[in-house]
Amino acid sequence: MRILLQRSDGKEAAWISDLRDLLPEAEIHFWREGEAVEPCDYAVVWQPPAAMLPELAKVKAIFNTGAGVDALLKFGDALPDHVPLVRLDDAGMGVQMAEYVSHAVLRHFRRFDDYEAQGRAGIWQPLPAFDKADFPVGVLGMGVLGTRVLDALAQFEFPLRGWSRSQKHIDGVDCFAGEEGLDAFLRGTRVLVCMLPLTPDTHNLLDRTRLSMLLPGAYIINVARGAHIAEPDLLTLIRSGHIAGATLDVFRNEPLPQQHPFWQEPRITITPHISAATLRRESVAQIAAKMRRLQAGEVVAGIVNRLQGY
């Protein structure tokens, strides 16, 4: 077995070491632009450049070391259809995402952001509490990670709602599906958690029209991709008061430029794309197991449907 590894973050040595531990029979080659490499069986990549496409077209499968595959799908037909794209199912990201979203929901619901501002101003003043019954939390995207977040939020007894492209049924969650269910989902949601994959259909999905459908005083949490939200529209609705604020971990341009108006809006909490980091050892273990299954001619989970984009 020959494996071609590519990283855009300079951490290739640790990945090579872990792959060798779990796949001692494999030859592992690190891809460098301009260096010739013999054809490999599998590629393990993170944000590969277009220069790598000739090698990617020759492998039996491409493993993406992250949950989102938009960095691969952007190449379109340049990646042959016969080469499966395999994403990580979870690999430790689910619990991190659940931690991040639960913290953001509770921080807003318990008004800790307001109390922090009062503390800086030296103000001792209990504030009116929100009524949990009037605080429905909606998760936009009920894949592996979205379902994990809903499971975590259920412990706090919020009214829960979920939207997915196709109909799903989760105990304790009011589920909506498809284009016909999206507006109804939004109109009954007070806290919106975006966990969608980025596809042509979801690009700019949360524009002024759809964000305005949310209940007055809505709150936005985005841990998916920045391009899901029309940023000027979100800012306008926060300044108008229809949206109370947002916790944003992802942005159209990263790092977020210093001149971006989000930095000056106190009702927006910004984090630098840290809601769920890829855990290397867990990811390598999952990738190695799937490679062995493919070698044995067996089916593996996580193969991307290119038409759907995930």
C-alpha atoms as a PDB file:
ATOM      1  CA  MET A   1       0.000   0.000   0.000  1.00  0.00           C
ATOM      2  CA  ARG A   2       1.346   3.430  -0.981  1.00  0.00           C
ATOM      3  CA  ILE A   3      -0.021   6.571   0.700  1.00  0.00           C
ATOM      4  CA  LEU A   4       0.463  10.131  -0.504  1.00  0.00           C
ATOM      5  CA  LEU A   5       0.237  12.682   2.308  1.00  0.00           C
ATOM      6  CA  GLN A   6      -0.292  16.421   1.879  1.00  0.00           C
ATOM      7  CA  ARG A   7      -0.617  19.068   4.589  1.00  0.00           C
ATOM      8  CA  SER A   8      -0.994  22.822   4.238  1.00  0.00           C
ATOM      9  CA  ASP A   9      -0.124  23.471   7.896  1.00  0.00           C
ATOM     10  CA  GLY A  10       3.460  22.179   8.127  1.00  0.00           C
ATOM     11  CA  LYS A  11       2.564  19.312  10.499  1.00  0.00           C
ATOM     12  CA  GLU A  12       3.383  16.477   8.143  1.00  0.00           C
ATOM     13  CA  ALA A  13       5.992  14.787  10.399  1.00  0.00           C
ATOM     14  CA  ALA A  14       3.469  13.905  13.127  1.00  0.00           C
ATOM     15  CA  TRP A  15       0.946  12.605  10.583  1.00  0.00           C
ATOM     16  CA  ILE A  16       3.595  10.454   8.898  1.00  0.00           C
ATOM     17  CA  SER A  17       4.644   9.033  12.270  1.00  0.00           C
ATOM     18  CA  ASP A  18       1.081   8.110  13.257  1.00  0.00           C
ATOM     19  CA  LEU A  19       0.303   6.599   9.856  1.00  0.00           C
ATOM     20  CA  ARG A  20       3.437   4.441  10.085  1.00  0.00           C
ATOM     21  CA  ASP A  21       2.457   3.253  13.559  1.00  0.00           C
ATOM     22  CA  LEU A  22      -0.972   2.087  12.411  1.00  0.00           C
ATOM     23  CA  LEU A  23      -0.066   1.021   8.871  1.00  0.00           C
ATOM     24  CA  PRO A  24       3.469  -0.376   9.194  1.00  0.00           C
ATOM     25  CA  GLU A  25       3.120  -2.188   5.869  1.00  0.00           C
ATOM     26  CA  ALA A  26       2.482   1.072   3.964  1.00  0.00           C
ATOM     27  CA  GLU A  27       4.914   3.277   2.077  1.00  0.00           C
ATOM     28  CA  ILE A  28       4.163   6.882   2.982  1.00  0.00           C
ATOM     29  CA  HIS A  29       5.262   9.714   0.725  1.00  0.00           C
ATOM     30  CA  PHE A  30       4.889  13.414   1.463  1.00  0.00           C
ATOM     31  CA  TRP A  31       3.747  15.481  -1.489  1.00  0.00           C
ATOM     32  CA  ARG A  32       5.813  18.519  -2.456  1.00  0.00           C
ATOM     33  CA  GLU A  33       5.081  20.647  -5.468  1.00  0.00           C
ATOM     34  CA  GLY A  34       7.496  19.997  -8.305  1.00  0.00           C
ATOM     35  CA  GLU A  35       8.764  16.675  -6.944  1.00  0.00           C
ATOM     36  CA  ALA A  36       7.959  13.553  -8.936  1.00  0.00           C
ATOM     37  CA  VAL A  37       6.211  10.747  -7.074  1.00  0.00           C
ATOM     38  CA  GLU A  38       5.201   7.266  -8.183  1.00  0.00           C
ATOM     39  CA  PRO A  39       1.449   6.563  -8.314  1.00  0.00           C
ATOM     40  CA  CYS A  40      -0.053   5.912  -4.876  1.00  0.00           C
ATOM     41  CA  ASP A  41      -3.047   3.913  -3.722  1.00  0.00           C
ATOM     42  CA  TYR A  42      -4.513   6.534  -1.378  1.00  0.00           C
ATOM     43  CA  ALA A  43      -4.109  10.241  -0.662  1.00  0.00           C
ATOM     44  CA  VAL A  44      -4.527  11.877   2.746  1.00  0.00           C
ATOM     45  CA  VAL A  45      -4.931  15.619   2.287  1.00  0.00           C
ATOM     46  CA  TRP A  46      -5.735  18.910   3.954  1.00  0.00           C
ATOM     47  CA  GLN A  47      -6.574  21.831   1.636  1.00  0.00           C
ATOM     48  CA  PRO A  48      -4.593  20.501  -1.337  1.00  0.00           C
ATOM     49  CA  PRO A  49      -3.463  22.965  -4.027  1.00  0.00           C
ATOM     50  CA  ALA A  50      -4.468  22.643  -7.662  1.00  0.00           C
ATOM     51  CA  ALA A  51      -0.911  21.547  -8.465  1.00  0.00           C
ATOM     52  CA  MET A  52      -1.660  18.235  -6.718  1.00  0.00           C
ATOM     53  CA  LEU A  53      -4.584  17.330  -8.973  1.00  0.00           C
ATOM     54  CA  PRO A  54      -2.595  15.070 -11.349  1.00  0.00           C
ATOM     55  CA  GLU A  55      -1.568  12.830  -8.440  1.00  0.00           C
ATOM     56  CA  LEU A  56      -5.041  12.873  -6.879  1.00  0.00           C
ATOM     57  CA  ALA A  57      -6.573  11.678 -10.139  1.00  0.00           C
ATOM     58  CA  LYS A  58      -4.526   8.453  -9.942  1.00  0.00           C
ATOM     59  CA  VAL A  59      -5.398   7.202  -6.443  1.00  0.00           C
ATOM     60  CA  LYS A  60      -8.093   4.739  -5.368  1.00  0.00           C
ATOM     61  CA  ALA A  61      -9.543   7.149  -2.781  1.00  0.00           C
ATOM     62  CA  ILE A  62      -8.853  10.554  -1.254  1.00  0.00           C
ATOM     63  CA  PHE A  63      -9.154  10.983   2.520  1.00  0.00           C
ATOM     64  CA  ASN A  64      -9.885  14.511   3.700  1.00  0.00           C
ATOM     65  CA  THR A  65      -8.582  15.253   7.214  1.00  0.00           C
ATOM     66  CA  GLY A  66     -11.537  17.378   8.233  1.00  0.00           C
ATOM     67  CA  ALA A  67     -15.316  17.297   8.288  1.00  0.00           C
ATOM     68  CA  GLY A  68     -15.841  19.844   5.479  1.00  0.00           C
ATOM     69  CA  VAL A  69     -14.859  18.865   1.944  1.00  0.00           C
ATOM     70  CA  ASP A  70     -15.471  22.173   0.151  1.00  0.00           C
ATOM     71  CA  ALA A  71     -11.704  22.620  -0.379  1.00  0.00           C
ATOM     72  CA  LEU A  72     -11.789  19.482  -2.553  1.00  0.00           C
ATOM     73  CA  LEU A  73     -15.149  19.960  -4.233  1.00  0.00           C
ATOM     74  CA  LYS A  74     -14.076  23.355  -5.555  1.00  0.00           C
ATOM     75  CA  PHE A  75     -11.960  21.485  -8.135  1.00  0.00           C
ATOM     76  CA  GLY A  76     -15.147  20.119  -9.722  1.00  0.00           C
ATOM     77  CA  ASP A  77     -14.601  17.806 -12.694  1.00  0.00           C
ATOM     78  CA  ALA A  78     -10.824  18.072 -12.314  1.00  0.00           C
ATOM     79  CA  LEU A  79     -11.214  15.326  -9.695  1.00  0.00           C
ATOM     80  CA  PRO A  80     -12.485  12.269 -11.594  1.00  0.00           C
ATOM     81  CA  ASP A  81     -15.807  10.849 -10.438  1.00  0.00           C
ATOM     82  CA  HIS A  82     -14.343   7.359 -10.051  1.00  0.00           C
ATOM     83  CA  VAL A  83     -12.083   8.524  -7.201  1.00  0.00           C
ATOM     84  CA  PRO A  84     -14.091   8.445  -3.939  1.00  0.00           C
ATOM     85  CA  LEU A  85     -13.725  11.361  -1.529  1.00  0.00           C
ATOM     86  CA  VAL A  86     -13.835  10.157   2.078  1.00  0.00           C
ATOM     87  CA  ARG A  87     -14.475  12.555   4.961  1.00  0.00           C
ATOM     88  CA  LEU A  88     -13.971  12.053   8.674  1.00  0.00           C
ATOM     89  CA  ASP A  89     -17.134  10.919  10.457  1.00  0.00           C
ATOM     90  CA  ASP A  90     -16.248  12.544  13.786  1.00  0.00           C
ATOM     91  CA  ALA A  91     -12.784  11.621  15.071  1.00  0.00           C
ATOM     92  CA  GLY A  92     -13.160  13.652  18.245  1.00  0.00           C
ATOM     93  CA  MET A  93     -14.677  16.741  16.643  1.00  0.00           C
ATOM     94  CA  GLY A  94     -18.219  16.054  17.851  1.00  0.00           C
ATOM     95  CA  VAL A  95     -17.556  16.543  21.546  1.00  0.00           C
ATOM     96  CA  GLN A  96     -15.554  19.718  20.868  1.00  0.00           C
ATOM     97  CA  MET A  97     -18.376  21.135  18.758  1.00  0.00           C
ATOM     98  CA  ALA A  98     -20.885  20.240  21.465  1.00  0.00           C
ATOM     99  CA  GLU A  99     -18.752  22.026  24.070  1.00  0.00           C
ATOM    100  CA  TYR A 100     -18.417  25.160  21.952  1.00  0.00           C
ATOM    101  CA  VAL A 101     -22.085  25.434  20.989  1.00  0.00           C
ATOM    102  CA  SER A 102     -23.361  24.611  24.490  1.00  0.00           C
ATOM    103  CA  HIS A 103     -21.116  27.295  25.957  1.00  0.00           C
ATOM    104  CA  ALA A 104     -22.310  29.880  23.425  1.00  0.00           C
ATOM    105  CA  VAL A 105     -25.986  29.027  23.982  1.00  0.00           C
ATOM    106  CA  LEU A 106     -25.690  29.089  27.778  1.00  0.00           C
ATOM    107  CA  ARG A 107     -23.608  32.262  27.796  1.00  0.00           C
ATOM    108  CA  HIS A 108     -26.343  34.087  25.920  1.00  0.00           C
ATOM    109  CA  PHE A 109     -29.276  32.433  27.718  1.00  0.00           C
ATOM    110  CA  ARG A 110     -27.861  33.122  31.189  1.00  0.00           C
ATOM    111  CA  ARG A 111     -26.862  36.644  30.078  1.00  0.00           C
ATOM    112  CA  PHE A 112     -23.231  36.144  31.057  1.00  0.00           C
ATOM    113  CA  ASP A 113     -22.184  38.483  28.242  1.00  0.00           C
ATOM    114  CA  ASP A 114     -24.305  41.232  29.846  1.00  0.00           C
ATOM    115  CA  TYR A 115     -22.914  40.442  33.289  1.00  0.00           C
ATOM    116  CA  GLU A 116     -19.364  40.612  31.953  1.00  0.00           C
ATOM    117  CA  ALA A 117     -20.070  44.097  30.576  1.00  0.00           C
ATOM    118  CA  GLN A 118     -21.615  45.121  33.906  1.00  0.00           C
ATOM    119  CA  GLY A 119     -18.605  43.749  35.760  1.00  0.00           C
ATOM    120  CA  ARG A 120     -16.207  45.825  33.693  1.00  0.00           C
ATOM    121  CA  ALA A 121     -18.333  48.888  34.505  1.00  0.00           C
ATOM    122  CA  GLY A 122     -18.525  48.067  38.232  1.00  0.00           C
ATOM    123  CA  ILE A 123     -22.294  47.519  38.147  1.00  0.00           C
ATOM    124  CA  TRP A 124     -24.007  45.083  40.561  1.00  0.00           C
ATOM    125  CA  GLN A 125     -27.435  44.507  39.040  1.00  0.00           C
ATOM    126  CA  PRO A 126     -29.360  41.240  38.586  1.00  0.00           C
ATOM    127  CA  LEU A 127     -30.986  41.151  35.142  1.00  0.00           C
ATOM    128  CA  PRO A 128     -34.337  39.621  34.156  1.00  0.00           C
ATOM    129  CA  ALA A 129     -33.881  35.974  33.228  1.00  0.00           C
ATOM    130  CA  PHE A 130     -34.981  34.556  29.886  1.00  0.00           C
ATOM    131  CA  ASP A 131     -37.797  32.013  29.896  1.00  0.00           C
ATOM    132  CA  LYS A 132     -36.484  28.721  28.544  1.00  0.00           C
ATOM    133  CA  ALA A 133     -39.874  27.918  27.012  1.00  0.00           C
ATOM    134  CA  ASP A 134     -39.452  31.022  24.833  1.00  0.00           C
ATOM    135  CA  PHE A 135     -35.902  30.083  23.870  1.00  0.00           C
ATOM    136  CA  PRO A 136     -36.101  27.425  21.121  1.00  0.00           C
ATOM    137  CA  VAL A 137     -32.679  26.433  19.801  1.00  0.00           C
ATOM    138  CA  GLY A 138     -32.497  25.360  16.174  1.00  0.00           C
ATOM    139  CA  VAL A 139     -29.620  23.436  14.613  1.00  0.00           C
ATOM    140  CA  LEU A 140     -29.280  23.980  10.877  1.00  0.00           C
ATOM    141  CA  GLY A 141     -27.717  20.755   9.606  1.00  0.00           C
ATOM    142  CA  MET A 142     -28.292  17.451  11.401  1.00  0.00           C
ATOM    143  CA  GLY A 143     -25.345  15.393  10.269  1.00  0.00           C
ATOM    144  CA  VAL A 144     -22.995  13.552  12.626  1.00  0.00           C
ATOM    145  CA  LEU A 145     -21.795  16.751  14.291  1.00  0.00           C
ATOM    146  CA  GLY A 146     -25.188  18.477  14.323  1.00  0.00           C
ATOM    147  CA  THR A 147     -26.780  15.469  15.978  1.00  0.00           C
ATOM    148  CA  ARG A 148     -24.028  15.424  18.595  1.00  0.00           C
ATOM    149  CA  VAL A 149     -24.749  19.077  19.387  1.00  0.00           C
ATOM    150  CA  LEU A 150     -28.484  18.403  19.718  1.00  0.00           C
ATOM    151  CA  ASP A 151     -27.725  15.545  22.122  1.00  0.00           C
ATOM    152  CA  ALA A 152     -25.662  17.894  24.291  1.00  0.00           C
ATOM    153  CA  LEU A 153     -28.260  20.673  24.304  1.00  0.00           C
ATOM    154  CA  ALA A 154     -31.009  18.227  25.262  1.00  0.00           C
ATOM    155  CA  GLN A 155     -29.432  17.953  28.728  1.00  0.00           C
ATOM    156  CA  PHE A 156     -30.344  21.606  29.379  1.00  0.00           C
ATOM    157  CA  GLU A 157     -34.004  21.101  28.426  1.00  0.00           C
ATOM    158  CA  PHE A 158     -34.222  23.769  25.741  1.00  0.00           C
ATOM    159  CA  PRO A 159     -36.965  23.354  23.132  1.00  0.00           C
ATOM    160  CA  LEU A 160     -34.973  21.873  20.247  1.00  0.00           C
ATOM    161  CA  ARG A 161     -35.486  22.152  16.504  1.00  0.00           C
ATOM    162  CA  GLY A 162     -33.477  20.796  13.626  1.00  0.00           C
ATOM    163  CA  TRP A 163     -33.370  21.217   9.871  1.00  0.00           C
ATOM    164  CA  SER A 164     -31.827  18.887   7.318  1.00  0.00           C
ATOM    165  CA  ARG A 165     -32.003  18.440   3.582  1.00  0.00           C
ATOM    166  CA  SER A 166     -33.891  15.149   3.936  1.00  0.00           C
ATOM    167  CA  GLN A 167     -36.347  14.261   6.678  1.00  0.00           C
ATOM    168  CA  LYS A 168     -34.919  12.910   9.922  1.00  0.00           C
ATOM    169  CA  HIS A 169     -36.492  11.846  13.200  1.00  0.00           C
ATOM    170  CA  ILE A 170     -34.734  12.512  16.514  1.00  0.00           C
ATOM    171  CA  ASP A 171     -36.496  12.023  19.823  1.00  0.00           C
ATOM    172  CA  GLY A 172     -37.165  15.338  21.535  1.00  0.00           C
ATOM    173  CA  VAL A 173     -36.338  17.407  18.446  1.00  0.00           C
ATOM    174  CA  ASP A 174     -38.881  19.160  16.231  1.00  0.00           C
ATOM    175  CA  CYS A 175     -37.482  18.185  12.817  1.00  0.00           C
ATOM    176  CA  PHE A 176     -37.908  20.071   9.542  1.00  0.00           C
ATOM    177  CA  ALA A 177     -36.614  19.200   6.084  1.00  0.00           C
ATOM    178  CA  GLY A 178     -36.164  20.521   2.584  1.00  0.00           C
ATOM    179  CA  GLU A 179     -36.894  23.883   1.052  1.00  0.00           C
ATOM    180  CA  GLU A 180     -40.507  23.656   2.136  1.00  0.00           C
ATOM    181  CA  GLY A 181     -39.505  23.246   5.785  1.00  0.00           C
ATOM    182  CA  LEU A 182     -36.759  25.854   6.018  1.00  0.00           C
ATOM    183  CA  ASP A 183     -38.934  28.945   6.481  1.00  0.00           C
ATOM    184  CA  ALA A 184     -41.045  27.270   9.173  1.00  0.00           C
ATOM    185  CA  PHE A 185     -37.874  26.144  10.931  1.00  0.00           C
ATOM    186  CA  LEU A 186     -36.450  29.668  10.958  1.00  0.00           C
ATOM    187  CA  ARG A 187     -39.681  31.364  12.056  1.00  0.00           C
ATOM    188  CA  GLY A 188     -39.804  29.325  15.244  1.00  0.00           C
ATOM    189  CA  THR A 189     -36.118  29.596  16.183  1.00  0.00           C
ATOM    190  CA  ARG A 190     -34.624  31.951  18.791  1.00  0.00           C
ATOM    191  CA  VAL A 191     -31.025  30.653  18.755  1.00  0.00           C
ATOM    192  CA  LEU A 192     -29.796  29.512  15.356  1.00  0.00           C
ATOM    193  CA  VAL A 193     -26.774  27.182  15.197  1.00  0.00           C
ATOM    194  CA  CYS A 194     -25.358  26.820  11.676  1.00  0.00           C
ATOM    195  CA  MET A 195     -23.663  23.452  11.090  1.00  0.00           C
ATOM    196  CA  LEU A 196     -24.253  23.020   7.366  1.00  0.00           C
ATOM    197  CA  PRO A 197     -21.745  21.853   4.783  1.00  0.00           C
ATOM    198  CA  LEU A 198     -20.828  24.586   2.316  1.00  0.00           C
ATOM    199  CA  THR A 199     -22.367  23.835  -1.083  1.00  0.00           C
ATOM    200  CA  PRO A 200     -23.714  26.016  -3.910  1.00  0.00           C
ATOM    201  CA  ASP A 201     -27.176  25.639  -2.328  1.00  0.00           C
ATOM    202  CA  THR A 202     -26.034  26.798   1.130  1.00  0.00           C
ATOM    203  CA  HIS A 203     -23.778  29.654   0.015  1.00  0.00           C
ATOM    204  CA  ASN A 204     -25.308  32.899   1.354  1.00  0.00           C
ATOM    205  CA  LEU A 205     -28.244  30.852   2.663  1.00  0.00           C
ATOM    206  CA  LEU A 206     -28.548  33.104   5.709  1.00  0.00           C
ATOM    207  CA  ASP A 207     -29.180  36.436   4.042  1.00  0.00           C
ATOM    208  CA  ARG A 208     -31.284  39.343   5.255  1.00  0.00           C
ATOM    209  CA  THR A 209     -34.559  37.706   4.173  1.00  0.00           C
ATOM    210  CA  ARG A 210     -33.951  34.450   6.019  1.00  0.00           C
ATOM    211  CA  LEU A 211     -32.297  35.991   9.070  1.00  0.00           C
ATOM    212  CA  SER A 212     -35.303  38.301   9.402  1.00  0.00           C
ATOM    213  CA  MET A 213     -37.556  35.248   9.736  1.00  0.00           C
ATOM    214  CA  LEU A 214     -35.986  34.353  13.078  1.00  0.00           C
ATOM    215  CA  LEU A 215     -37.836  35.282  16.252  1.00  0.00           C
ATOM    216  CA  PRO A 216     -37.176  38.841  17.495  1.00  0.00           C
ATOM    217  CA  GLY A 217     -34.076  38.975  19.668  1.00  0.00           C
ATOM    218  CA  ALA A 218     -32.574  35.949  17.897  1.00  0.00           C
ATOM    219  CA  TYR A 219     -28.993  34.876  18.419  1.00  0.00           C
ATOM    220  CA  ILE A 220     -26.673  33.357  15.780  1.00  0.00           C
ATOM    221  CA  ILE A 221     -23.938  30.761  16.325  1.00  0.00           C
ATOM    222  CA  ASN A 222     -21.912  29.813  13.243  1.00  0.00           C
ATOM    223  CA  VAL A 223     -19.422  26.950  13.444  1.00  0.00           C
ATOM    224  CA  ALA A 224     -19.730  25.794   9.812  1.00  0.00           C
ATOM    225  CA  ARG A 225     -18.368  28.139   7.119  1.00  0.00           C
ATOM    226  CA  GLY A 226     -18.342  31.917   6.901  1.00  0.00           C
ATOM    227  CA  ALA A 227     -19.886  31.941   3.438  1.00  0.00           C
ATOM    228  CA  HIS A 228     -23.185  30.630   4.816  1.00  0.00           C
ATOM    229  CA  ILE A 229     -23.957  34.088   6.214  1.00  0.00           C
ATOM    230  CA  ALA A 230     -24.294  37.340   4.292  1.00  0.00           C
ATOM    231  CA  GLU A 231     -22.103  39.303   6.697  1.00  0.00           C
ATOM    232  CA  PRO A 232     -23.409  42.830   5.922  1.00  0.00           C
ATOM    233  CA  ASP A 233     -26.984  41.584   6.412  1.00  0.00           C
ATOM    234  CA  LEU A 234     -26.152  40.070   9.785  1.00  0.00           C
ATOM    235  CA  LEU A 235     -24.525  43.302  10.908  1.00  0.00           C
ATOM    236  CA  THR A 236     -27.540  45.351   9.774  1.00  0.00           C
ATOM    237  CA  LEU A 237     -29.977  43.135  11.683  1.00  0.00           C
ATOM    238  CA  ILE A 238     -27.860  43.244  14.846  1.00  0.00           C
ATOM    239  CA  ARG A 239     -27.758  47.029  14.709  1.00  0.00           C
ATOM    240  CA  SER A 240     -31.510  47.153  14.135  1.00  0.00           C
ATOM    241  CA  GLY A 241     -32.099  45.005  17.235  1.00  0.00           C
ATOM    242  CA  HIS A 242     -33.885  42.162  15.444  1.00  0.00           C
ATOM    243  CA  ILE A 243     -30.859  39.970  16.154  1.00  0.00           C
ATOM    244  CA  ALA A 244     -29.435  40.309  19.656  1.00  0.00           C
ATOM    245  CA  GLY A 245     -25.943  39.173  18.761  1.00  0.00           C
ATOM    246  CA  ALA A 246     -23.795  36.350  17.463  1.00  0.00           C
ATOM    247  CA  THR A 247     -20.951  34.008  18.282  1.00  0.00           C
ATOM    248  CA  LEU A 248     -18.940  33.417  15.126  1.00  0.00           C
ATOM    249  CA  ASP A 249     -16.068  30.964  14.698  1.00  0.00           C
ATOM    250  CA  VAL A 250     -15.849  31.054  10.892  1.00  0.00           C
ATOM    251  CA  PHE A 251     -15.620  33.869   8.350  1.00  0.00           C
ATOM    252  CA  ARG A 252     -15.427  34.418   4.613  1.00  0.00           C
ATOM    253  CA  ASN A 253     -11.861  35.660   4.931  1.00  0.00           C
ATOM    254  CA  GLU A 254      -9.609  34.094   7.549  1.00  0.00           C
ATOM    255  CA  PRO A 255      -7.862  35.455   9.492  1.00  0.00           C
ATOM    256  CA  LEU A 256     -10.630  38.012   9.849  1.00  0.00           C
ATOM    257  CA  PRO A 257      -9.168  41.309   8.512  1.00  0.00           C
ATOM    258  CA  GLN A 258      -8.480  43.922  11.172  1.00  0.00           C
ATOM    259  CA  GLN A 259     -10.625  46.462   9.330  1.00  0.00           C
ATOM    260  CA  HIS A 260     -13.684  44.165   9.341  1.00  0.00           C
ATOM    261  CA  PRO A 261     -16.647  45.828  11.114  1.00  0.00           C
ATOM    262  CA  PHE A 262     -17.320  42.681  13.166  1.00  0.00           C
ATOM    263  CA  TRP A 263     -14.341  43.589  15.360  1.00  0.00           C
ATOM    264  CA  GLN A 264     -16.057  46.836  16.384  1.00  0.00           C
ATOM    265  CA  GLU A 265     -19.456  45.290  17.178  1.00  0.00           C
ATOM    266  CA  PRO A 266     -19.594  44.384  20.909  1.00  0.00           C
ATOM    267  CA  ARG A 267     -22.583  42.097  20.361  1.00  0.00           C
ATOM    268  CA  ILE A 268     -20.489  39.771  18.178  1.00  0.00           C
ATOM    269  CA  THR A 269     -18.159  37.295  19.869  1.00  0.00           C
ATOM    270  CA  ILE A 270     -15.292  36.228  17.594  1.00  0.00           C
ATOM    271  CA  THR A 271     -13.162  33.099  17.881  1.00  0.00           C
ATOM    272  CA  PRO A 272     -10.416  32.104  15.379  1.00  0.00           C
ATOM    273  CA  HIS A 273     -11.896  28.923  13.846  1.00  0.00           C
ATOM    274  CA  ILE A 274     -11.284  26.783  16.917  1.00  0.00           C
ATOM    275  CA  SER A 275     -14.718  25.263  17.613  1.00  0.00           C
ATOM    276  CA  ALA A 276     -13.509  21.762  16.668  1.00  0.00           C
ATOM    277  CA  ALA A 277      -9.918  20.972  15.787  1.00  0.00           C
ATOM    278  CA  THR A 278      -9.019  17.780  13.951  1.00  0.00           C
ATOM    279  CA  LEU A 279      -7.572  15.349  16.498  1.00  0.00           C
ATOM    280  CA  ARG A 280      -4.692  13.724  14.654  1.00  0.00           C
ATOM    281  CA  ARG A 281      -4.455  10.357  16.397  1.00  0.00           C
ATOM    282  CA  GLU A 282      -8.209   9.745  16.285  1.00  0.00           C
ATOM    283  CA  SER A 283      -8.293  10.801  12.631  1.00  0.00           C
ATOM    284  CA  VAL A 284      -5.384   8.569  11.621  1.00  0.00           C
ATOM    285  CA  ALA A 285      -6.976   5.592  13.390  1.00  0.00           C
ATOM    286  CA  GLN A 286     -10.204   6.135  11.441  1.00  0.00           C
ATOM    287  CA  ILE A 287      -8.388   6.627   8.139  1.00  0.00           C
ATOM    288  CA  ALA A 288      -6.225   3.530   8.641  1.00  0.00           C
ATOM    289  CA  ALA A 289      -9.260   1.372   9.419  1.00  0.00           C
ATOM    290  CA  LYS A 290     -11.063   2.612   6.309  1.00  0.00           C
ATOM    291  CA  MET A 291      -8.020   2.003   4.117  1.00  0.00           C
ATOM    292  CA  ARG A 292      -7.853  -1.598   5.315  1.00  0.00           C
ATOM    293  CA  ARG A 293     -11.552  -2.051   4.572  1.00  0.00           C
ATOM    294  CA  LEU A 294     -11.114  -0.629   1.079  1.00  0.00           C
ATOM    295  CA  GLN A 295      -8.118  -2.895   0.501  1.00  0.00           C
ATOM    296  CA  ALA A 296     -10.346  -5.825   1.447  1.00  0.00           C
ATOM    297  CA  GLY A 297     -13.036  -4.681  -0.993  1.00  0.00           C
ATOM    298  CA  GLU A 298     -15.439  -3.640   1.758  1.00  0.00           C
ATOM    299  CA  VAL A 299     -17.710  -0.592   1.970  1.00  0.00           C
ATOM    300  CA  VAL A 300     -16.696   2.338   4.183  1.00  0.00           C
ATOM    301  CA  ALA A 301     -18.718   5.156   5.745  1.00  0.00           C
ATOM    302  CA  GLY A 302     -18.145   8.814   4.974  1.00  0.00           C
ATOM    303  CA  ILE A 303     -17.946   8.706   1.175  1.00  0.00           C
ATOM    304  CA  VAL A 304     -18.963  12.120  -0.117  1.00  0.00           C
ATOM    305  CA  ASN A 305     -21.946  12.517  -2.403  1.00  0.00           C
ATOM    306  CA  ARG A 306     -20.544  15.079  -4.813  1.00  0.00           C
ATOM    307  CA  LEU A 307     -23.967  16.211  -6.010  1.00  0.00           C
ATOM    308  CA  GLN A 308     -25.054  16.992  -2.458  1.00  0.00           C
ATOM    309  CA  GLY A 309     -21.660  18.369  -1.450  1.00  0.00           C
ATOM    310  CA  TYR A 310     -21.177  16.249   1.679  1.00  0.00           C
END
